[in-house]
């Protein structure tokens, strides 16, 4: 992960990656833009992670824009009824 104008994460976003992503979140949460276009798969833990990152951004007065979310990610957020809590930017 790199802290740039938009933070991009690659590979799966699941239980095995949570600690890695959360430990680096302080470096990019203030940017407020998260690119998921290179995510190969995501499970419910990934959705929980997005909610936590969004909460952390709000805590410092910002918000988290989620870019490049696949239909699978959006469907998971919809299934868990948390889509209104997440800020998906592009279709």
Protein backbone atom coordinates (compact mmCIF):
# COMPACT_ATOMS: atom_id res chain seq x y z
CA UNK A 1 0.00 0.00 0.00
CA UNK A 2 1.16 3.49 -0.78
CA UNK A 3 0.03 6.73 0.78
CA UNK A 4 -0.77 8.90 -2.24
CA UNK A 5 -3.76 10.92 -3.41
CA UNK A 6 -5.61 7.62 -3.51
CA UNK A 7 -4.64 4.46 -1.66
CA UNK A 8 -4.82 1.28 -3.72
CA UNK A 9 -4.89 -2.19 -2.25
CA UNK A 10 -4.42 -5.37 -4.27
CA UNK A 11 -5.27 -9.04 -3.90
CA UNK A 12 -7.92 -10.45 -1.60
CA UNK A 13 -9.44 -8.37 1.18
CA UNK A 14 -10.28 -10.92 3.81
CA UNK A 15 -9.44 -12.05 7.34
CA UNK A 16 -5.78 -12.70 6.55
CA UNK A 17 -5.28 -9.09 5.38
CA UNK A 18 -7.12 -7.15 8.10
CA UNK A 19 -4.16 -6.61 10.42
CA UNK A 20 -1.96 -5.49 7.50
CA UNK A 21 -4.49 -2.97 6.22
CA UNK A 22 -5.46 -1.64 9.64
CA UNK A 23 -1.85 -1.26 10.72
CA UNK A 24 -1.20 0.97 7.71
CA UNK A 25 -4.47 2.87 7.93
CA UNK A 26 -3.00 5.80 9.86
CA UNK A 27 -0.81 6.54 6.83
CA UNK A 28 -3.68 6.97 4.38
CA UNK A 29 -6.92 7.52 6.28
CA UNK A 30 -6.51 11.30 6.15
CA UNK A 31 -6.39 11.11 2.33
CA UNK A 32 -9.87 9.62 2.39
CA UNK A 33 -9.74 7.82 -0.96
CA UNK A 34 -9.47 4.04 -1.21
CA UNK A 35 -9.16 2.23 -4.56
CA UNK A 36 -10.51 -1.33 -4.63
CA UNK A 37 -10.19 -1.91 -8.39
CA UNK A 38 -7.38 -4.46 -7.89
CA UNK A 39 -9.20 -6.48 -5.22
CA UNK A 40 -9.58 -10.05 -6.47
CA UNK A 41 -12.03 -11.13 -3.77
CA UNK A 42 -13.63 -9.85 -0.60
CA UNK A 43 -15.61 -11.46 2.18
CA UNK A 44 -17.64 -10.12 5.09
CA UNK A 45 -14.46 -9.25 6.97
CA UNK A 46 -13.47 -6.98 4.09
CA UNK A 47 -16.81 -5.19 4.37
CA UNK A 48 -16.24 -4.80 8.11
CA UNK A 49 -12.81 -3.39 7.37
CA UNK A 50 -14.29 -0.78 5.03
CA UNK A 51 -16.76 0.19 7.74
CA UNK A 52 -13.94 0.55 10.28
CA UNK A 53 -11.83 2.65 7.91
CA UNK A 54 -14.85 4.84 7.23
CA UNK A 55 -15.43 5.23 10.98
CA UNK A 56 -11.80 6.20 11.52
CA UNK A 57 -11.98 8.80 8.75
CA UNK A 58 -15.14 10.28 10.27
CA UNK A 59 -13.49 10.38 13.68
CA UNK A 60 -10.87 12.81 12.34
CA UNK A 61 -13.49 14.87 10.53
CA UNK A 62 -13.16 13.30 7.10
CA UNK A 63 -14.83 10.65 5.03
CA UNK A 64 -13.74 7.61 3.04
CA UNK A 65 -14.43 7.50 -0.69
CA UNK A 66 -14.40 3.97 -2.07
CA UNK A 67 -13.33 3.87 -5.72
CA UNK A 68 -13.29 0.93 -8.11
CA UNK A 69 -15.55 -1.34 -6.07
CA UNK A 70 -16.55 -4.44 -8.01
CA UNK A 71 -20.15 -5.61 -8.32
CA UNK A 72 -19.28 -8.34 -5.77
CA UNK A 73 -18.18 -5.75 -3.19
CA UNK A 74 -21.29 -3.65 -3.76
CA UNK A 75 -23.49 -6.75 -3.56
CA UNK A 76 -21.90 -7.74 -0.24
CA UNK A 77 -22.46 -4.25 1.16
CA UNK A 78 -26.06 -4.39 -0.04
CA UNK A 79 -26.57 -7.90 1.38
CA UNK A 80 -25.32 -6.82 4.81
CA UNK A 81 -27.43 -3.65 4.56
CA UNK A 82 -24.43 -1.38 5.07
CA UNK A 83 -24.25 0.12 1.58
CA UNK A 84 -25.76 3.44 2.81
CA UNK A 85 -22.93 3.65 5.38
CA UNK A 86 -20.21 3.38 2.72
CA UNK A 87 -19.41 6.05 0.17
CA UNK A 88 -19.03 4.29 -3.18
CA UNK A 89 -17.91 6.92 -5.66
CA UNK A 90 -18.02 5.38 -9.13
CA UNK A 91 -20.50 2.93 -10.62
